[in-house]
Amino acid sequence: MDKIIFFKTQKDLRKWFEKNHETEKELFLGYYKVHTKKPTVTWSQSVDEAICFGWIDGIRKSIDDESYQNRFTPRRSNSNWSAINIDKYHKLLSLGLVHKKGKEAFGKKKDEKSKTYSYERVNPKLSKEYENEIKKNKTAWEYFNNLAPGYKKISIHWVMSAKQIKTQKSRLKILIESSEELKKIPLLRS
């Protein structure tokens, strides 16, 4: 297993990036879950520091009941920039926190590859048929309707983005079952 590093503060993580951003190829960053009350850098803070040094976060993976990890790597020149990370970049730049390498990475971004995640481009809607299916289950419908807007949008996108009707219906079934259990879809669970 790769070495997972835990940082207590954002300042500690920034020191790591200052020292290693040009020589290391990846960082497996560990986080403690809130219930542990252990000091830890947050995911949002770590993304801020990664942006400052031209790095990007990858997929989150659970370690155990108390912690999880995220892999960070230097950005490739052709990587996508999400709308959220573009906004973060501008905020960090205005605060004078972006390192030269972060500016270079942002300068190489291609506008046509920015804000291109499909859930950023459209406001997805469930088909009337699928909406009616959820409404048949009162508990699921109530839970689904009370999801935070971002979770709801991603859930709808997850169902509607499937190319085959069979896959859409399978995902809809998972969405309804999860909502009935008062849970987010598996994709959004930590």
N, C-alpha and C. Protein backbone atom coordinates (compact mmCIF):
# COMPACT_ATOMS: atom_id res chain seq x y z
N MET A 1 0.84 -1.19 0.00
CA MET A 1 0.00 0.00 0.00
C MET A 1 0.88 1.25 0.00
N ASP A 2 0.45 2.27 -0.70
CA ASP A 2 1.20 3.51 -0.77
C ASP A 2 1.14 4.23 0.58
N LYS A 3 2.18 5.02 0.85
CA LYS A 3 2.25 5.73 2.12
C LYS A 3 1.22 6.85 2.15
N ILE A 4 0.36 6.81 3.15
CA ILE A 4 -0.66 7.84 3.32
C ILE A 4 -0.15 8.82 4.36
N ILE A 5 -0.19 10.10 4.02
CA ILE A 5 0.29 11.14 4.94
C ILE A 5 -0.91 11.92 5.47
N PHE A 6 -0.96 12.10 6.78
CA PHE A 6 -1.98 12.91 7.43
C PHE A 6 -1.36 14.24 7.85
N PHE A 7 -2.05 15.33 7.58
CA PHE A 7 -1.60 16.65 8.00
C PHE A 7 -2.61 17.21 8.98
N LYS A 8 -2.10 17.80 10.07
CA LYS A 8 -3.01 18.36 11.08
C LYS A 8 -3.63 19.67 10.62
N THR A 9 -2.87 20.44 9.84
CA THR A 9 -3.36 21.76 9.44
C THR A 9 -3.11 22.01 7.96
N GLN A 10 -3.81 23.00 7.44
CA GLN A 10 -3.61 23.42 6.05
C GLN A 10 -2.19 23.96 5.87
N LYS A 11 -1.69 24.64 6.90
CA LYS A 11 -0.33 25.19 6.85
C LYS A 11 0.70 24.07 6.67
N ASP A 12 0.51 22.96 7.38
CA ASP A 12 1.42 21.81 7.25
C ASP A 12 1.39 21.24 5.83
N LEU A 13 0.19 21.15 5.27
CA LEU A 13 0.05 20.65 3.90
C LEU A 13 0.73 21.59 2.92
N ARG A 14 0.56 22.88 3.12
CA ARG A 14 1.18 23.86 2.22
C ARG A 14 2.70 23.71 2.24
N LYS A 15 3.26 23.48 3.44
CA LYS A 15 4.71 23.27 3.54
C LYS A 15 5.13 22.06 2.71
N TRP A 16 4.32 20.98 2.74
CA TRP A 16 4.64 19.80 1.94
C TRP A 16 4.65 20.16 0.46
N PHE A 17 3.63 20.89 0.00
CA PHE A 17 3.57 21.28 -1.41
C PHE A 17 4.75 22.18 -1.77
N GLU A 18 5.09 23.13 -0.91
CA GLU A 18 6.22 24.02 -1.20
C GLU A 18 7.50 23.22 -1.42
N LYS A 19 7.69 22.20 -0.61
CA LYS A 19 8.91 21.40 -0.68
C LYS A 19 8.87 20.35 -1.80
N ASN A 20 7.71 19.79 -2.09
CA ASN A 20 7.63 18.60 -2.94
C ASN A 20 6.87 18.72 -4.26
N HIS A 21 6.24 19.86 -4.52
CA HIS A 21 5.33 19.92 -5.68
C HIS A 21 6.01 19.66 -7.02
N GLU A 22 7.33 19.90 -7.11
CA GLU A 22 8.02 19.68 -8.39
C GLU A 22 8.73 18.33 -8.46
N THR A 23 8.93 17.69 -7.31
CA THR A 23 9.70 16.45 -7.31
C THR A 23 8.86 15.19 -7.12
N GLU A 24 7.75 15.30 -6.43
CA GLU A 24 6.89 14.14 -6.19
C GLU A 24 5.90 13.96 -7.34
N LYS A 25 5.50 12.73 -7.57
CA LYS A 25 4.54 12.42 -8.64
C LYS A 25 3.12 12.24 -8.11
N GLU A 26 3.01 12.01 -6.79
CA GLU A 26 1.69 11.84 -6.19
C GLU A 26 1.78 12.01 -4.68
N LEU A 27 0.63 12.27 -4.10
CA LEU A 27 0.50 12.37 -2.65
C LEU A 27 -0.77 11.63 -2.27
N PHE A 28 -0.65 10.66 -1.37
CA PHE A 28 -1.82 10.00 -0.81
C PHE A 28 -2.10 10.69 0.52
N LEU A 29 -3.12 11.53 0.51
CA LEU A 29 -3.43 12.38 1.65
C LEU A 29 -4.54 11.76 2.49
N GLY A 30 -4.26 11.58 3.77
CA GLY A 30 -5.25 11.01 4.68
C GLY A 30 -6.02 12.09 5.42
N TYR A 31 -7.27 11.79 5.71
CA TYR A 31 -8.13 12.71 6.47
C TYR A 31 -8.80 11.91 7.58
N TYR A 32 -8.94 12.52 8.74
CA TYR A 32 -9.73 11.90 9.80
C TYR A 32 -11.16 12.37 9.68
N LYS A 33 -12.09 11.46 9.90
CA LYS A 33 -13.50 11.82 9.85
C LYS A 33 -13.85 12.69 11.06
N VAL A 34 -14.86 13.52 10.90
CA VAL A 34 -15.23 14.51 11.92
C VAL A 34 -15.48 13.87 13.28
N HIS A 35 -16.15 12.71 13.31
CA HIS A 35 -16.52 12.10 14.60
C HIS A 35 -15.31 11.71 15.44
N THR A 36 -14.11 11.60 14.84
CA THR A 36 -12.92 11.23 15.60
C THR A 36 -12.39 12.40 16.42
N LYS A 37 -12.75 13.60 16.02
CA LYS A 37 -12.28 14.83 16.66
C LYS A 37 -10.75 14.98 16.61
N LYS A 38 -10.11 14.23 15.71
CA LYS A 38 -8.66 14.34 15.55
C LYS A 38 -8.37 15.52 14.62
N PRO A 39 -7.32 16.28 14.92
CA PRO A 39 -7.01 17.42 14.04
C PRO A 39 -6.60 16.92 12.65
N THR A 40 -7.17 17.54 11.64
CA THR A 40 -6.88 17.11 10.27
C THR A 40 -7.18 18.24 9.30
N VAL A 41 -6.42 18.27 8.22
CA VAL A 41 -6.73 19.19 7.14
C VAL A 41 -8.05 18.71 6.52
N THR A 42 -8.86 19.63 6.03
CA THR A 42 -10.13 19.22 5.41
C THR A 42 -9.91 19.00 3.91
N TRP A 43 -10.87 18.31 3.30
CA TRP A 43 -10.79 18.08 1.86
C TRP A 43 -10.77 19.41 1.11
N SER A 44 -11.62 20.35 1.48
CA SER A 44 -11.68 21.64 0.79
C SER A 44 -10.35 22.39 0.91
N GLN A 45 -9.75 22.37 2.10
CA GLN A 45 -8.45 23.02 2.29
C GLN A 45 -7.39 22.35 1.42
N SER A 46 -7.44 21.04 1.33
CA SER A 46 -6.43 20.33 0.53
C SER A 46 -6.58 20.63 -0.96
N VAL A 47 -7.81 20.77 -1.43
CA VAL A 47 -8.03 21.13 -2.83
C VAL A 47 -7.50 22.54 -3.08
N ASP A 48 -7.72 23.46 -2.14
CA ASP A 48 -7.18 24.82 -2.28
C ASP A 48 -5.67 24.78 -2.47
N GLU A 49 -4.99 24.03 -1.61
CA GLU A 49 -3.52 23.97 -1.70
C GLU A 49 -3.09 23.30 -3.01
N ALA A 50 -3.79 22.26 -3.42
CA ALA A 50 -3.46 21.59 -4.67
C ALA A 50 -3.57 22.57 -5.84
N ILE A 51 -4.63 23.34 -5.88
CA ILE A 51 -4.82 24.33 -6.95
C ILE A 51 -3.67 25.33 -6.94
N CYS A 52 -3.26 25.76 -5.77
CA CYS A 52 -2.17 26.74 -5.66
C CYS A 52 -0.87 26.25 -6.28
N PHE A 53 -0.67 24.93 -6.28
CA PHE A 53 0.58 24.38 -6.78
C PHE A 53 0.42 23.59 -8.08
N GLY A 54 -0.73 23.71 -8.72
CA GLY A 54 -0.93 23.04 -10.01
C GLY A 54 -1.19 21.56 -9.91
N TRP A 55 -1.75 21.12 -8.79
CA TRP A 55 -2.09 19.71 -8.59
C TRP A 55 -3.60 19.54 -8.62
N ILE A 56 -4.03 18.28 -8.67
CA ILE A 56 -5.47 17.97 -8.72
C ILE A 56 -5.76 16.76 -7.83
N ASP A 57 -6.94 16.75 -7.25
CA ASP A 57 -7.34 15.62 -6.42
C ASP A 57 -7.99 14.54 -7.27
N GLY A 58 -7.90 13.32 -6.78
CA GLY A 58 -8.50 12.19 -7.48
C GLY A 58 -9.66 11.63 -6.68
N ILE A 59 -9.86 10.34 -6.79
CA ILE A 59 -11.01 9.70 -6.15
C ILE A 59 -10.73 9.42 -4.68
N ARG A 60 -11.73 9.65 -3.88
CA ARG A 60 -11.64 9.40 -2.44
C ARG A 60 -11.85 7.91 -2.18
N LYS A 61 -11.07 7.39 -1.22
CA LYS A 61 -11.23 5.98 -0.82
C LYS A 61 -11.23 5.89 0.69
N SER A 62 -12.07 5.02 1.19
CA SER A 62 -12.14 4.80 2.63
C SER A 62 -10.91 4.01 3.08
N ILE A 63 -10.41 4.35 4.26
CA ILE A 63 -9.31 3.59 4.86
C ILE A 63 -9.89 2.67 5.93
N ASP A 64 -10.64 3.28 6.86
CA ASP A 64 -11.30 2.53 7.94
C ASP A 64 -12.43 3.39 8.48
N ASP A 65 -12.95 3.04 9.65
CA ASP A 65 -14.09 3.79 10.22
C ASP A 65 -13.72 5.21 10.63
N GLU A 66 -12.42 5.46 10.79
CA GLU A 66 -12.00 6.77 11.27
C GLU A 66 -11.40 7.67 10.20
N SER A 67 -11.06 7.11 9.05
CA SER A 67 -10.32 7.92 8.08
C SER A 67 -10.58 7.51 6.64
N TYR A 68 -10.19 8.40 5.74
CA TYR A 68 -10.25 8.13 4.31
C TYR A 68 -9.07 8.83 3.66
N GLN A 69 -8.87 8.56 2.38
CA GLN A 69 -7.73 9.15 1.67
C GLN A 69 -8.15 9.68 0.31
N ASN A 70 -7.31 10.54 -0.22
CA ASN A 70 -7.50 11.06 -1.56
C ASN A 70 -6.12 11.12 -2.21
N ARG A 71 -6.04 10.73 -3.45
CA ARG A 71 -4.77 10.79 -4.18
C ARG A 71 -4.69 12.11 -4.93
N PHE A 72 -3.56 12.80 -4.79
CA PHE A 72 -3.31 14.05 -5.49
C PHE A 72 -2.14 13.85 -6.45
N THR A 73 -2.23 14.47 -7.62
CA THR A 73 -1.16 14.40 -8.62
C THR A 73 -1.02 15.76 -9.29
N PRO A 74 0.14 16.01 -9.91
CA PRO A 74 0.26 17.25 -10.70
C PRO A 74 -0.76 17.22 -11.85
N ARG A 75 -1.33 18.36 -12.14
CA ARG A 75 -2.29 18.44 -13.25
C ARG A 75 -1.58 18.23 -14.57
N ARG A 76 -2.25 17.53 -15.48
CA ARG A 76 -1.75 17.47 -16.85
C ARG A 76 -2.25 18.72 -17.57
N SER A 77 -1.56 19.11 -18.62
CA SER A 77 -1.94 20.34 -19.32
C SER A 77 -3.30 20.24 -19.97
N ASN A 78 -3.77 19.02 -20.22
CA ASN A 78 -5.07 18.87 -20.88
C ASN A 78 -6.18 18.49 -19.91
N SER A 79 -5.95 18.64 -18.61
CA SER A 79 -6.98 18.23 -17.65
C SER A 79 -8.15 19.21 -17.62
N ASN A 80 -9.31 18.68 -17.28
CA ASN A 80 -10.51 19.51 -17.16
C ASN A 80 -10.44 20.34 -15.89
N TRP A 81 -10.98 21.54 -15.96
CA TRP A 81 -11.12 22.40 -14.79
C TRP A 81 -12.61 22.56 -14.52
N SER A 82 -13.05 22.15 -13.35
CA SER A 82 -14.47 22.30 -13.00
C SER A 82 -14.76 23.77 -12.70
N ALA A 83 -16.01 24.13 -12.77
CA ALA A 83 -16.43 25.50 -12.45
C ALA A 83 -16.04 25.84 -11.01
N ILE A 84 -16.18 24.90 -10.10
CA ILE A 84 -15.83 25.14 -8.70
C ILE A 84 -14.35 25.43 -8.56
N ASN A 85 -13.50 24.64 -9.23
CA ASN A 85 -12.06 24.85 -9.11
C ASN A 85 -11.61 26.14 -9.80
N ILE A 86 -12.28 26.53 -10.86
CA ILE A 86 -11.97 27.82 -11.50
C ILE A 86 -12.28 28.95 -10.53
N ASP A 87 -13.42 28.88 -9.88
CA ASP A 87 -13.78 29.90 -8.88
C ASP A 87 -12.78 29.91 -7.73
N LYS A 88 -12.40 28.73 -7.25
CA LYS A 88 -11.42 28.64 -6.17
C LYS A 88 -10.10 29.27 -6.60
N TYR A 89 -9.66 28.97 -7.81
CA TYR A 89 -8.41 29.53 -8.32
C TYR A 89 -8.42 31.05 -8.24
N HIS A 90 -9.49 31.67 -8.75
CA HIS A 90 -9.56 33.13 -8.76
C HIS A 90 -9.56 33.71 -7.35
N LYS A 91 -10.23 33.05 -6.43
CA LYS A 91 -10.25 33.51 -5.03
C LYS A 91 -8.84 33.41 -4.43
N LEU A 92 -8.19 32.27 -4.63
CA LEU A 92 -6.84 32.07 -4.10
C LEU A 92 -5.84 33.03 -4.72
N LEU A 93 -6.00 33.30 -6.01
CA LEU A 93 -5.14 34.26 -6.70
C LEU A 93 -5.29 35.65 -6.09
N SER A 94 -6.53 36.05 -5.84
CA SER A 94 -6.78 37.38 -5.27
C SER A 94 -6.19 37.51 -3.86
N LEU A 95 -6.02 36.39 -3.18
CA LEU A 95 -5.42 36.39 -1.84
C LEU A 95 -3.90 36.27 -1.89
N GLY A 96 -3.35 36.16 -3.10
CA GLY A 96 -1.90 36.06 -3.26
C GLY A 96 -1.33 34.71 -2.86
N LEU A 97 -2.14 33.66 -2.92
CA LEU A 97 -1.70 32.34 -2.46
C LEU A 97 -1.25 31.40 -3.57
N VAL A 98 -1.51 31.76 -4.82
CA VAL A 98 -1.20 30.84 -5.92
C VAL A 98 0.28 30.92 -6.27
N HIS A 99 0.93 29.78 -6.24
CA HIS A 99 2.34 29.63 -6.58
C HIS A 99 2.50 29.72 -8.10
N LYS A 100 3.73 29.96 -8.54
CA LYS A 100 4.03 30.03 -9.97
C LYS A 100 3.52 28.80 -10.73
N LYS A 101 3.72 27.61 -10.17
CA LYS A 101 3.27 26.38 -10.84
C LYS A 101 1.74 26.32 -10.94
N GLY A 102 1.05 26.85 -9.97
CA GLY A 102 -0.41 26.91 -10.03
C GLY A 102 -0.87 27.84 -11.14
N LYS A 103 -0.17 28.96 -11.28
CA LYS A 103 -0.50 29.91 -12.35
C LYS A 103 -0.23 29.28 -13.72
N GLU A 104 0.88 28.55 -13.81
CA GLU A 104 1.21 27.88 -15.08
C GLU A 104 0.14 26.85 -15.45
N ALA A 105 -0.28 26.06 -14.47
CA ALA A 105 -1.30 25.03 -14.72
C ALA A 105 -2.61 25.68 -15.18
N PHE A 106 -2.99 26.77 -14.52
CA PHE A 106 -4.23 27.45 -14.90
C PHE A 106 -4.10 28.07 -16.29
N GLY A 107 -2.92 28.60 -16.59
CA GLY A 107 -2.68 29.22 -17.89
C GLY A 107 -2.75 28.23 -19.04
N LYS A 108 -2.49 26.95 -18.75
CA LYS A 108 -2.52 25.91 -19.79
C LYS A 108 -3.91 25.33 -20.02
N LYS A 109 -4.85 25.70 -19.15
CA LYS A 109 -6.19 25.11 -19.30
C LYS A 109 -6.81 25.57 -20.61
N LYS A 110 -7.57 24.71 -21.17
CA LYS A 110 -8.27 25.02 -22.42
C LYS A 110 -9.72 25.35 -22.07
N ASP A 111 -10.18 26.49 -22.55
CA ASP A 111 -11.54 26.91 -22.22
C ASP A 111 -12.58 25.88 -22.63
N GLU A 112 -12.32 25.20 -23.76
CA GLU A 112 -13.31 24.21 -24.21
C GLU A 112 -13.32 22.97 -23.31
N LYS A 113 -12.29 22.83 -22.45
CA LYS A 113 -12.26 21.69 -21.52
C LYS A 113 -12.57 22.15 -20.10
N SER A 114 -13.06 23.37 -19.96
CA SER A 114 -13.41 23.89 -18.65
C SER A 114 -14.92 23.89 -18.48
N LYS A 115 -15.33 23.65 -17.26
CA LYS A 115 -16.76 23.61 -16.94
C LYS A 115 -17.48 22.63 -17.86
N THR A 116 -16.82 21.52 -18.18
CA THR A 116 -17.40 20.58 -19.14
C THR A 116 -18.03 19.35 -18.50
N TYR A 117 -17.93 19.23 -17.18
CA TYR A 117 -18.59 18.09 -16.57
C TYR A 117 -20.07 18.25 -16.85
N SER A 118 -20.69 17.19 -17.31
CA SER A 118 -22.07 17.29 -17.78
C SER A 118 -23.01 17.83 -16.71
N TYR A 119 -22.74 17.53 -15.44
CA TYR A 119 -23.63 18.05 -14.41
C TYR A 119 -23.45 19.55 -14.21
N GLU A 120 -22.38 20.14 -14.78
CA GLU A 120 -22.18 21.59 -14.69
C GLU A 120 -22.85 22.32 -15.85
N ARG A 121 -23.06 21.64 -16.94
CA ARG A 121 -23.57 22.30 -18.14
C ARG A 121 -25.08 22.39 -18.20
N VAL A 122 -25.73 21.47 -17.59
CA VAL A 122 -27.18 21.45 -17.72
C VAL A 122 -27.84 21.36 -16.36
N ASN A 123 -29.09 21.72 -16.34
CA ASN A 123 -29.88 21.53 -15.13
C ASN A 123 -30.73 20.29 -15.39
N PRO A 124 -30.25 19.12 -15.00
CA PRO A 124 -30.94 17.89 -15.38
C PRO A 124 -32.31 17.77 -14.74
N LYS A 125 -33.20 17.14 -15.46
CA LYS A 125 -34.55 16.89 -14.96
C LYS A 125 -34.87 15.41 -15.19
N LEU A 126 -35.58 14.84 -14.22
CA LEU A 126 -36.07 13.48 -14.40
C LEU A 126 -37.19 13.50 -15.42
N SER A 127 -37.28 12.46 -16.20
CA SER A 127 -38.41 12.36 -17.12
C SER A 127 -39.68 12.26 -16.27
N LYS A 128 -40.80 12.65 -16.84
CA LYS A 128 -42.08 12.61 -16.13
C LYS A 128 -42.37 11.18 -15.64
N GLU A 129 -42.06 10.21 -16.49
CA GLU A 129 -42.28 8.80 -16.14
C GLU A 129 -41.49 8.42 -14.88
N TYR A 130 -40.21 8.83 -14.83
CA TYR A 130 -39.36 8.48 -13.69
C TYR A 130 -39.80 9.23 -12.44
N GLU A 131 -40.17 10.48 -12.61
CA GLU A 131 -40.66 11.26 -11.47
C GLU A 131 -41.90 10.59 -10.88
N ASN A 132 -42.80 10.14 -11.74
CA ASN A 132 -44.01 9.46 -11.27
C ASN A 132 -43.68 8.16 -10.53
N GLU A 133 -42.62 7.47 -10.96
CA GLU A 133 -42.19 6.24 -10.28
C GLU A 133 -41.76 6.55 -8.85
N ILE A 134 -40.99 7.62 -8.68
CA ILE A 134 -40.54 7.98 -7.32
C ILE A 134 -41.74 8.41 -6.48
N LYS A 135 -42.65 9.15 -7.07
CA LYS A 135 -43.82 9.65 -6.33
C LYS A 135 -44.69 8.52 -5.78
N LYS A 136 -44.62 7.35 -6.39
CA LYS A 136 -45.40 6.21 -5.90
C LYS A 136 -44.96 5.78 -4.50
N ASN A 137 -43.72 6.11 -4.15
CA ASN A 137 -43.18 5.78 -2.84
C ASN A 137 -43.07 7.09 -2.04
N LYS A 138 -44.02 7.32 -1.16
CA LYS A 138 -44.10 8.60 -0.45
C LYS A 138 -42.82 8.93 0.33
N THR A 139 -42.27 7.95 1.04
CA THR A 139 -41.05 8.17 1.82
C THR A 139 -39.90 8.55 0.90
N ALA A 140 -39.73 7.80 -0.17
CA ALA A 140 -38.64 8.07 -1.11
C ALA A 140 -38.80 9.44 -1.74
N TRP A 141 -40.03 9.78 -2.15
CA TRP A 141 -40.28 11.08 -2.79
C TRP A 141 -39.98 12.23 -1.84
N GLU A 142 -40.41 12.10 -0.59
CA GLU A 142 -40.17 13.17 0.39
C GLU A 142 -38.67 13.33 0.64
N TYR A 143 -37.96 12.21 0.83
CA TYR A 143 -36.52 12.29 1.06
C TYR A 143 -35.81 12.90 -0.15
N PHE A 144 -36.14 12.41 -1.33
CA PHE A 144 -35.50 12.90 -2.56
C PHE A 144 -35.74 14.40 -2.73
N ASN A 145 -36.95 14.85 -2.49
CA ASN A 145 -37.27 16.27 -2.65
C ASN A 145 -36.57 17.16 -1.65
N ASN A 146 -36.17 16.59 -0.51
CA ASN A 146 -35.50 17.38 0.52
C ASN A 146 -33.98 17.27 0.47
N LEU A 147 -33.46 16.58 -0.53
CA LEU A 147 -32.00 16.53 -0.70
C LEU A 147 -31.46 17.92 -0.97
N ALA A 148 -30.23 18.18 -0.55
CA ALA A 148 -29.57 19.44 -0.90
C ALA A 148 -29.54 19.53 -2.42
N PRO A 149 -29.67 20.74 -2.98
CA PRO A 149 -29.75 20.88 -4.44
C PRO A 149 -28.61 20.19 -5.19
N GLY A 150 -27.39 20.26 -4.68
CA GLY A 150 -26.27 19.63 -5.36
C GLY A 150 -26.40 18.12 -5.42
N TYR A 151 -26.80 17.50 -4.30
CA TYR A 151 -26.99 16.05 -4.27
C TYR A 151 -28.12 15.64 -5.20
N LYS A 152 -29.19 16.43 -5.20
CA LYS A 152 -30.34 16.11 -6.04
C LYS A 152 -29.93 16.18 -7.52
N LYS A 153 -29.18 17.22 -7.87
CA LYS A 153 -28.75 17.40 -9.26
C LYS A 153 -27.87 16.24 -9.71
N ILE A 154 -26.92 15.84 -8.86
CA ILE A 154 -26.02 14.73 -9.22
C ILE A 154 -26.81 13.43 -9.32
N SER A 155 -27.77 13.23 -8.42
CA SER A 155 -28.59 12.01 -8.45
C SER A 155 -29.40 11.93 -9.74
N ILE A 156 -30.01 13.04 -10.12
CA ILE A 156 -30.79 13.07 -11.36
C ILE A 156 -29.87 12.83 -12.55
N HIS A 157 -28.73 13.49 -12.55
CA HIS A 157 -27.78 13.31 -13.65
C HIS A 157 -27.35 11.86 -13.75
N TRP A 158 -27.10 11.24 -12.61
CA TRP A 158 -26.65 9.84 -12.58
C TRP A 158 -27.69 8.94 -13.25
N VAL A 159 -28.96 9.19 -12.98
CA VAL A 159 -30.03 8.38 -13.60
C VAL A 159 -30.15 8.70 -15.08
N MET A 160 -30.28 9.97 -15.41
CA MET A 160 -30.62 10.38 -16.77
C MET A 160 -29.45 10.30 -17.76
N SER A 161 -28.22 10.27 -17.25
CA SER A 161 -27.06 10.25 -18.16
C SER A 161 -26.76 8.87 -18.72
N ALA A 162 -27.37 7.85 -18.16
CA ALA A 162 -27.17 6.49 -18.69
C ALA A 162 -27.69 6.44 -20.12
N LYS A 163 -26.92 5.84 -21.00
CA LYS A 163 -27.29 5.82 -22.42
C LYS A 163 -28.45 4.86 -22.71
N GLN A 164 -28.49 3.76 -21.99
CA GLN A 164 -29.54 2.76 -22.24
C GLN A 164 -30.68 2.92 -21.24
N ILE A 165 -31.89 2.77 -21.73
CA ILE A 165 -33.09 2.85 -20.90
C ILE A 165 -33.01 1.84 -19.75
N LYS A 166 -32.52 0.65 -20.06
CA LYS A 166 -32.40 -0.40 -19.05
C LYS A 166 -31.52 0.08 -17.89
N THR A 167 -30.42 0.73 -18.21
CA THR A 167 -29.51 1.25 -17.18
C THR A 167 -30.17 2.38 -16.40
N GLN A 168 -30.87 3.27 -17.11
CA GLN A 168 -31.59 4.36 -16.43
C GLN A 168 -32.57 3.79 -15.41
N LYS A 169 -33.32 2.78 -15.83
CA LYS A 169 -34.34 2.20 -14.93
C LYS A 169 -33.68 1.48 -13.75
N SER A 170 -32.56 0.85 -13.99
CA SER A 170 -31.82 0.19 -12.91
C SER A 170 -31.33 1.23 -11.90
N ARG A 171 -30.82 2.34 -12.41
CA ARG A 171 -30.35 3.41 -11.52
C ARG A 171 -31.51 4.07 -10.79
N LEU A 172 -32.63 4.23 -11.48
CA LEU A 172 -33.82 4.81 -10.84
C LEU A 172 -34.26 3.92 -9.68
N LYS A 173 -34.22 2.62 -9.88
CA LYS A 173 -34.59 1.68 -8.82
C LYS A 173 -33.67 1.86 -7.61
N ILE A 174 -32.38 2.01 -7.85
CA ILE A 174 -31.41 2.23 -6.77
C ILE A 174 -31.70 3.56 -6.07
N LEU A 175 -32.01 4.59 -6.85
CA LEU A 175 -32.34 5.90 -6.29
C LEU A 175 -33.57 5.80 -5.38
N ILE A 176 -34.60 5.12 -5.84
CA ILE A 176 -35.83 4.98 -5.05
C ILE A 176 -35.57 4.17 -3.78
N GLU A 177 -34.85 3.06 -3.91
CA GLU A 177 -34.55 2.23 -2.74
C GLU A 177 -33.69 2.99 -1.72
N SER A 178 -32.69 3.71 -2.21
CA SER A 178 -31.84 4.49 -1.32
C SER A 178 -32.65 5.57 -0.61
N SER A 179 -33.47 6.28 -1.37
CA SER A 179 -34.29 7.35 -0.80
C SER A 179 -35.28 6.80 0.23
N GLU A 180 -35.83 5.64 -0.05
CA GLU A 180 -36.77 5.03 0.91
C GLU A 180 -36.06 4.71 2.22
N GLU A 181 -34.76 4.36 2.13
CA GLU A 181 -33.96 4.07 3.33
C GLU A 181 -33.36 5.35 3.92
N LEU A 182 -33.76 6.51 3.36
CA LEU A 182 -33.26 7.83 3.80
C LEU A 182 -31.75 7.94 3.62
N LYS A 183 -31.28 7.42 2.49
CA LYS A 183 -29.85 7.45 2.17
C LYS A 183 -29.65 8.06 0.80
N LYS A 184 -28.47 8.65 0.60
CA LYS A 184 -28.09 9.13 -0.73
C LYS A 184 -27.76 7.92 -1.59
N ILE A 185 -27.71 8.13 -2.90
CA ILE A 185 -27.32 7.03 -3.79
C ILE A 185 -25.90 6.60 -3.42
N PRO A 186 -25.52 5.34 -3.66
CA PRO A 186 -24.20 4.86 -3.27
C PRO A 186 -23.04 5.74 -3.74
N LEU A 187 -23.17 6.31 -4.92
CA LEU A 187 -22.14 7.19 -5.48
C LEU A 187 -21.82 8.36 -4.55
N LEU A 188 -22.78 8.83 -3.77
CA LEU A 188 -22.62 10.02 -2.93
C LEU A 188 -22.38 9.71 -1.46
N ARG A 189 -22.27 8.44 -1.14
CA ARG A 189 -22.02 8.08 0.27
C ARG A 189 -20.53 8.06 0.51
N SER A 190 -20.11 8.50 1.70
CA SER A 190 -18.66 8.48 1.99
C SER A 190 -18.27 7.22 2.71
